[in-house]
Amino acid sequence: MTRSQVYRELPALTDAGLLRLGKQGPRSSQQYAITAAGKRAFKSWLNTEPGPDNVRSPLILRLVYSGSLTPKQRATLVESARAQYAVKMDEAKNAAKTAGDPYEKAAADFTVAYNRAIIKLLDAIPD
């Protein structure tokens, strides 16, 4: 989920009574606070079956079809992605080191493993 998707949902959650407007933030940003109804809805959501995961990766989709690119285009795609995932890997490792509870730590460790897998995938793409 992207940040823009989250921000798009905030007014709807407010209209549903799950959030309320909070303090006005810097640069006219709007803070939100969760309501009691929002906390109940969140806890109810946590307690439901998650269903199957749906991985949607624009990078992996492009890599699947990267044989249609020129070698230079493919190299640019791979190198750009490798640089982005190196940054994500550093952030994930830091999050894993500073995780405050075992659930947060487990999720952070998964993120490290995921980023490692993406980098391994990128390394497997032929020149």
N, C-alpha and C. Protein backbone atom coordinates (compact mmCIF):
# COMPACT_ATOMS: atom_id res chain seq x y z
N MET A 1 0.85 -1.18 0.00
CA MET A 1 0.00 0.00 0.00
C MET A 1 0.90 1.24 0.00
N THR A 2 0.55 2.17 -0.81
CA THR A 2 1.35 3.39 -0.89
C THR A 2 0.84 4.43 0.10
N ARG A 3 1.68 5.39 0.38
CA ARG A 3 1.29 6.47 1.28
C ARG A 3 0.08 7.23 0.73
N SER A 4 0.04 7.43 -0.59
CA SER A 4 -1.09 8.15 -1.17
C SER A 4 -2.39 7.37 -0.99
N GLN A 5 -2.32 6.04 -1.03
CA GLN A 5 -3.52 5.23 -0.80
C GLN A 5 -4.01 5.39 0.63
N VAL A 6 -3.09 5.44 1.57
CA VAL A 6 -3.47 5.62 2.98
C VAL A 6 -4.15 6.97 3.16
N TYR A 7 -3.54 8.02 2.63
CA TYR A 7 -4.11 9.36 2.80
C TYR A 7 -5.48 9.49 2.14
N ARG A 8 -5.70 8.75 1.08
CA ARG A 8 -7.00 8.77 0.41
C ARG A 8 -8.09 8.16 1.29
N GLU A 9 -7.74 7.21 2.14
CA GLU A 9 -8.72 6.50 2.97
C GLU A 9 -9.04 7.24 4.27
N LEU A 10 -8.18 8.13 4.71
CA LEU A 10 -8.39 8.79 6.00
C LEU A 10 -9.72 9.54 6.11
N PRO A 11 -10.12 10.33 5.11
CA PRO A 11 -11.43 11.00 5.22
C PRO A 11 -12.59 10.01 5.30
N ALA A 12 -12.51 8.90 4.58
CA ALA A 12 -13.59 7.90 4.63
C ALA A 12 -13.65 7.26 6.02
N LEU A 13 -12.49 6.98 6.61
CA LEU A 13 -12.47 6.42 7.95
C LEU A 13 -13.00 7.42 8.98
N THR A 14 -12.75 8.70 8.74
CA THR A 14 -13.29 9.74 9.62
C THR A 14 -14.80 9.81 9.47
N ASP A 15 -15.29 9.79 8.24
CA ASP A 15 -16.74 9.82 8.01
C ASP A 15 -17.43 8.62 8.65
N ALA A 16 -16.73 7.47 8.72
CA ALA A 16 -17.30 6.26 9.31
C ALA A 16 -17.20 6.27 10.83
N GLY A 17 -16.57 7.31 11.40
CA GLY A 17 -16.46 7.40 12.85
C GLY A 17 -15.32 6.59 13.45
N LEU A 18 -14.43 6.10 12.61
CA LEU A 18 -13.32 5.30 13.09
C LEU A 18 -12.09 6.15 13.44
N LEU A 19 -12.04 7.33 12.89
CA LEU A 19 -10.98 8.31 13.17
C LEU A 19 -11.65 9.65 13.46
N ARG A 20 -10.88 10.53 14.11
CA ARG A 20 -11.33 11.91 14.26
C ARG A 20 -10.15 12.80 13.89
N LEU A 21 -10.48 14.01 13.48
CA LEU A 21 -9.41 14.95 13.14
C LEU A 21 -8.62 15.28 14.39
N GLY A 22 -7.30 15.29 14.23
CA GLY A 22 -6.41 15.64 15.32
C GLY A 22 -5.87 17.04 15.11
N LYS A 23 -4.69 17.26 15.64
CA LYS A 23 -4.05 18.57 15.53
C LYS A 23 -3.62 18.84 14.10
N GLN A 24 -3.61 20.11 13.75
CA GLN A 24 -3.07 20.53 12.46
C GLN A 24 -1.56 20.41 12.55
N GLY A 25 -0.95 19.72 11.59
CA GLY A 25 0.48 19.52 11.62
C GLY A 25 1.22 20.58 10.82
N PRO A 26 2.53 20.40 10.71
CA PRO A 26 3.33 21.36 9.94
C PRO A 26 2.95 21.33 8.46
N ARG A 27 3.13 22.45 7.80
CA ARG A 27 2.85 22.60 6.37
C ARG A 27 1.43 22.16 6.02
N SER A 28 0.49 22.52 6.87
CA SER A 28 -0.93 22.24 6.67
C SER A 28 -1.26 20.75 6.62
N SER A 29 -0.40 19.91 7.18
CA SER A 29 -0.72 18.49 7.22
C SER A 29 -1.77 18.24 8.30
N GLN A 30 -2.57 17.21 8.10
CA GLN A 30 -3.65 16.91 9.03
C GLN A 30 -3.34 15.63 9.79
N GLN A 31 -3.35 15.71 11.11
CA GLN A 31 -3.19 14.52 11.93
C GLN A 31 -4.56 13.93 12.22
N TYR A 32 -4.58 12.63 12.46
CA TYR A 32 -5.81 11.92 12.80
C TYR A 32 -5.58 11.14 14.08
N ALA A 33 -6.68 10.90 14.81
CA ALA A 33 -6.62 10.07 16.02
C ALA A 33 -7.69 9.00 15.90
N ILE A 34 -7.36 7.82 16.38
CA ILE A 34 -8.32 6.72 16.30
C ILE A 34 -9.36 6.88 17.41
N THR A 35 -10.60 6.60 17.09
CA THR A 35 -11.70 6.70 18.07
C THR A 35 -11.86 5.34 18.76
N ALA A 36 -12.72 5.30 19.77
CA ALA A 36 -13.02 4.04 20.44
C ALA A 36 -13.62 3.05 19.45
N ALA A 37 -14.51 3.54 18.59
CA ALA A 37 -15.10 2.66 17.56
C ALA A 37 -14.01 2.17 16.61
N GLY A 38 -13.06 3.02 16.30
CA GLY A 38 -11.96 2.63 15.43
C GLY A 38 -11.10 1.55 16.07
N LYS A 39 -10.85 1.68 17.37
CA LYS A 39 -10.08 0.66 18.10
C LYS A 39 -10.81 -0.67 18.10
N ARG A 40 -12.13 -0.64 18.29
CA ARG A 40 -12.91 -1.88 18.27
C ARG A 40 -12.89 -2.52 16.88
N ALA A 41 -13.03 -1.68 15.84
CA ALA A 41 -13.01 -2.20 14.47
C ALA A 41 -11.64 -2.78 14.14
N PHE A 42 -10.59 -2.12 14.59
CA PHE A 42 -9.23 -2.61 14.34
C PHE A 42 -9.01 -3.95 15.03
N LYS A 43 -9.43 -4.05 16.29
CA LYS A 43 -9.27 -5.31 17.02
C LYS A 43 -10.09 -6.42 16.37
N SER A 44 -11.27 -6.11 15.90
CA SER A 44 -12.10 -7.09 15.20
C SER A 44 -11.41 -7.54 13.92
N TRP A 45 -10.86 -6.62 13.17
CA TRP A 45 -10.14 -6.94 11.94
C TRP A 45 -8.94 -7.84 12.24
N LEU A 46 -8.20 -7.53 13.32
CA LEU A 46 -7.04 -8.34 13.68
C LEU A 46 -7.43 -9.78 13.96
N ASN A 47 -8.64 -9.98 14.45
CA ASN A 47 -9.09 -11.29 14.89
C ASN A 47 -9.80 -12.08 13.79
N THR A 48 -9.73 -11.64 12.53
CA THR A 48 -10.34 -12.36 11.42
C THR A 48 -9.27 -13.10 10.63
N GLU A 49 -9.71 -14.09 9.86
CA GLU A 49 -8.79 -14.84 9.00
C GLU A 49 -8.23 -13.88 7.94
N PRO A 50 -6.92 -13.90 7.72
CA PRO A 50 -6.34 -12.96 6.76
C PRO A 50 -6.60 -13.31 5.31
N GLY A 51 -6.85 -14.55 4.99
CA GLY A 51 -7.01 -14.93 3.59
C GLY A 51 -5.65 -15.03 2.91
N PRO A 52 -5.64 -15.32 1.62
CA PRO A 52 -4.37 -15.50 0.91
C PRO A 52 -3.64 -14.17 0.70
N ASP A 53 -2.33 -14.25 0.69
CA ASP A 53 -1.52 -13.07 0.38
C ASP A 53 -1.57 -12.81 -1.12
N ASN A 54 -1.53 -11.55 -1.48
CA ASN A 54 -1.46 -11.14 -2.88
C ASN A 54 -0.24 -10.27 -3.05
N VAL A 55 0.78 -10.82 -3.66
CA VAL A 55 2.01 -10.06 -3.89
C VAL A 55 1.89 -9.39 -5.25
N ARG A 56 1.98 -8.07 -5.23
CA ARG A 56 1.93 -7.30 -6.47
C ARG A 56 3.21 -6.48 -6.55
N SER A 57 4.13 -6.93 -7.35
CA SER A 57 5.41 -6.25 -7.46
C SER A 57 5.62 -5.76 -8.89
N PRO A 58 5.58 -4.45 -9.09
CA PRO A 58 5.87 -3.93 -10.43
C PRO A 58 7.28 -4.32 -10.90
N LEU A 59 8.21 -4.43 -9.97
CA LEU A 59 9.58 -4.81 -10.35
C LEU A 59 9.59 -6.25 -10.87
N ILE A 60 9.01 -7.17 -10.14
CA ILE A 60 9.04 -8.57 -10.57
C ILE A 60 8.32 -8.74 -11.90
N LEU A 61 7.22 -8.05 -12.09
CA LEU A 61 6.52 -8.11 -13.37
C LEU A 61 7.43 -7.64 -14.50
N ARG A 62 8.15 -6.56 -14.28
CA ARG A 62 9.07 -6.07 -15.31
C ARG A 62 10.22 -7.06 -15.55
N LEU A 63 10.71 -7.67 -14.48
CA LEU A 63 11.80 -8.63 -14.63
C LEU A 63 11.36 -9.85 -15.42
N VAL A 64 10.12 -10.28 -15.23
CA VAL A 64 9.60 -11.43 -15.99
C VAL A 64 9.70 -11.16 -17.49
N TYR A 65 9.44 -9.93 -17.89
CA TYR A 65 9.44 -9.58 -19.30
C TYR A 65 10.69 -8.82 -19.73
N SER A 66 11.70 -8.80 -18.88
CA SER A 66 12.89 -7.99 -19.19
C SER A 66 13.70 -8.54 -20.35
N GLY A 67 13.42 -9.76 -20.80
CA GLY A 67 14.07 -10.29 -22.00
C GLY A 67 13.69 -9.50 -23.24
N SER A 68 12.61 -8.74 -23.15
CA SER A 68 12.17 -7.91 -24.28
C SER A 68 12.89 -6.56 -24.31
N LEU A 69 13.66 -6.27 -23.28
CA LEU A 69 14.41 -5.02 -23.23
C LEU A 69 15.76 -5.18 -23.90
N THR A 70 16.34 -4.07 -24.27
CA THR A 70 17.72 -4.12 -24.75
C THR A 70 18.61 -4.42 -23.54
N PRO A 71 19.82 -4.92 -23.77
CA PRO A 71 20.72 -5.17 -22.65
C PRO A 71 20.95 -3.92 -21.79
N LYS A 72 21.05 -2.77 -22.43
CA LYS A 72 21.27 -1.53 -21.68
C LYS A 72 20.04 -1.18 -20.83
N GLN A 73 18.85 -1.33 -21.40
CA GLN A 73 17.62 -1.05 -20.64
C GLN A 73 17.48 -2.01 -19.46
N ARG A 74 17.77 -3.29 -19.71
CA ARG A 74 17.68 -4.28 -18.64
C ARG A 74 18.69 -3.97 -17.54
N ALA A 75 19.91 -3.61 -17.92
CA ALA A 75 20.94 -3.28 -16.93
C ALA A 75 20.51 -2.07 -16.11
N THR A 76 19.91 -1.08 -16.75
CA THR A 76 19.43 0.11 -16.04
C THR A 76 18.34 -0.27 -15.04
N LEU A 77 17.40 -1.10 -15.47
CA LEU A 77 16.33 -1.57 -14.58
C LEU A 77 16.91 -2.30 -13.37
N VAL A 78 17.81 -3.23 -13.62
CA VAL A 78 18.37 -4.04 -12.54
C VAL A 78 19.21 -3.19 -11.60
N GLU A 79 20.05 -2.33 -12.13
CA GLU A 79 20.92 -1.51 -11.27
C GLU A 79 20.11 -0.51 -10.45
N SER A 80 19.10 0.08 -11.06
CA SER A 80 18.24 1.01 -10.33
C SER A 80 17.52 0.29 -9.18
N ALA A 81 16.98 -0.88 -9.48
CA ALA A 81 16.28 -1.66 -8.45
C ALA A 81 17.25 -2.11 -7.37
N ARG A 82 18.44 -2.53 -7.76
CA ARG A 82 19.42 -2.98 -6.77
C ARG A 82 19.76 -1.84 -5.80
N ALA A 83 19.93 -0.64 -6.31
CA ALA A 83 20.23 0.52 -5.45
C ALA A 83 19.07 0.79 -4.50
N GLN A 84 17.84 0.73 -5.01
CA GLN A 84 16.67 0.98 -4.16
C GLN A 84 16.54 -0.08 -3.08
N TYR A 85 16.76 -1.34 -3.44
CA TYR A 85 16.62 -2.42 -2.47
C TYR A 85 17.78 -2.45 -1.48
N ALA A 86 18.94 -1.95 -1.85
CA ALA A 86 20.04 -1.83 -0.89
C ALA A 86 19.66 -0.85 0.22
N VAL A 87 19.03 0.25 -0.16
CA VAL A 87 18.55 1.22 0.84
C VAL A 87 17.47 0.58 1.72
N LYS A 88 16.52 -0.10 1.08
CA LYS A 88 15.45 -0.77 1.84
C LYS A 88 16.03 -1.81 2.78
N MET A 89 17.07 -2.51 2.33
CA MET A 89 17.71 -3.52 3.18
C MET A 89 18.32 -2.88 4.42
N ASP A 90 19.01 -1.77 4.23
CA ASP A 90 19.60 -1.06 5.38
C ASP A 90 18.51 -0.61 6.36
N GLU A 91 17.42 -0.07 5.83
CA GLU A 91 16.31 0.37 6.68
C GLU A 91 15.70 -0.81 7.43
N ALA A 92 15.54 -1.93 6.74
CA ALA A 92 14.95 -3.12 7.36
C ALA A 92 15.85 -3.68 8.45
N LYS A 93 17.16 -3.71 8.20
CA LYS A 93 18.09 -4.18 9.23
C LYS A 93 18.04 -3.29 10.46
N ASN A 94 17.96 -1.98 10.24
CA ASN A 94 17.86 -1.05 11.36
C ASN A 94 16.56 -1.27 12.14
N ALA A 95 15.47 -1.48 11.41
CA ALA A 95 14.18 -1.74 12.07
C ALA A 95 14.24 -3.02 12.88
N ALA A 96 14.92 -4.04 12.36
CA ALA A 96 15.04 -5.31 13.08
C ALA A 96 15.86 -5.13 14.36
N LYS A 97 16.90 -4.31 14.29
CA LYS A 97 17.74 -4.07 15.48
C LYS A 97 17.00 -3.30 16.56
N THR A 98 16.11 -2.39 16.15
CA THR A 98 15.46 -1.50 17.12
C THR A 98 14.03 -1.92 17.44
N ALA A 99 13.60 -3.08 16.96
CA ALA A 99 12.22 -3.53 17.18
C ALA A 99 11.93 -3.60 18.68
N GLY A 100 10.75 -3.10 19.06
CA GLY A 100 10.40 -3.01 20.46
C GLY A 100 9.74 -4.24 21.06
N ASP A 101 9.18 -5.10 20.24
CA ASP A 101 8.53 -6.30 20.76
C ASP A 101 8.78 -7.46 19.80
N PRO A 102 8.52 -8.69 20.21
CA PRO A 102 8.85 -9.84 19.36
C PRO A 102 8.06 -9.90 18.05
N TYR A 103 6.85 -9.35 18.03
CA TYR A 103 6.05 -9.37 16.80
C TYR A 103 6.61 -8.38 15.79
N GLU A 104 6.96 -7.21 16.27
CA GLU A 104 7.59 -6.20 15.42
C GLU A 104 8.93 -6.73 14.89
N LYS A 105 9.69 -7.41 15.75
CA LYS A 105 10.98 -7.98 15.36
C LYS A 105 10.79 -9.05 14.28
N ALA A 106 9.79 -9.92 14.45
CA ALA A 106 9.54 -10.97 13.46
C ALA A 106 9.18 -10.36 12.10
N ALA A 107 8.36 -9.32 12.10
CA ALA A 107 7.99 -8.66 10.85
C ALA A 107 9.21 -7.98 10.23
N ALA A 108 10.03 -7.36 11.05
CA ALA A 108 11.23 -6.69 10.55
C ALA A 108 12.21 -7.72 9.98
N ASP A 109 12.37 -8.87 10.65
CA ASP A 109 13.25 -9.92 10.13
C ASP A 109 12.73 -10.45 8.79
N PHE A 110 11.41 -10.56 8.65
CA PHE A 110 10.83 -10.97 7.38
C PHE A 110 11.16 -9.95 6.29
N THR A 111 11.07 -8.68 6.62
CA THR A 111 11.38 -7.62 5.65
C THR A 111 12.83 -7.70 5.20
N VAL A 112 13.74 -8.00 6.13
CA VAL A 112 15.15 -8.19 5.77
C VAL A 112 15.27 -9.36 4.79
N ALA A 113 14.62 -10.48 5.10
CA ALA A 113 14.69 -11.66 4.24
C ALA A 113 14.08 -11.38 2.86
N TYR A 114 12.98 -10.64 2.83
CA TYR A 114 12.33 -10.29 1.56
C TYR A 114 13.28 -9.45 0.70
N ASN A 115 13.88 -8.43 1.29
CA ASN A 115 14.80 -7.57 0.54
C ASN A 115 16.01 -8.38 0.06
N ARG A 116 16.49 -9.28 0.90
CA ARG A 116 17.60 -10.14 0.51
C ARG A 116 17.20 -11.00 -0.70
N ALA A 117 15.97 -11.52 -0.69
CA ALA A 117 15.49 -12.36 -1.81
C ALA A 117 15.38 -11.55 -3.09
N ILE A 118 14.91 -10.31 -3.00
CA ILE A 118 14.81 -9.46 -4.19
C ILE A 118 16.20 -9.19 -4.76
N ILE A 119 17.16 -8.90 -3.89
CA ILE A 119 18.52 -8.64 -4.36
C ILE A 119 19.10 -9.90 -5.00
N LYS A 120 18.82 -11.07 -4.43
CA LYS A 120 19.28 -12.33 -5.02
C LYS A 120 18.64 -12.53 -6.40
N LEU A 121 17.36 -12.21 -6.53
CA LEU A 121 16.68 -12.28 -7.82
C LEU A 121 17.35 -11.35 -8.83
N LEU A 122 17.64 -10.13 -8.41
CA LEU A 122 18.29 -9.17 -9.31
C LEU A 122 19.66 -9.68 -9.74
N ASP A 123 20.39 -10.31 -8.81
CA ASP A 123 21.71 -10.83 -9.14
C ASP A 123 21.64 -11.99 -10.13
N ALA A 124 20.47 -12.65 -10.20
CA ALA A 124 20.31 -13.79 -11.12
C ALA A 124 19.93 -13.37 -12.53
N ILE A 125 19.61 -12.11 -12.75
CA ILE A 125 19.23 -11.64 -14.08
C ILE A 125 20.49 -11.56 -14.93
N PRO A 126 20.50 -12.26 -16.07
CA PRO A 126 21.71 -12.23 -16.91
C PRO A 126 21.92 -10.86 -17.55
N ASP A 127 23.19 -10.56 -17.79
CA ASP A 127 23.55 -9.28 -18.42
C ASP A 127 23.08 -9.23 -19.86
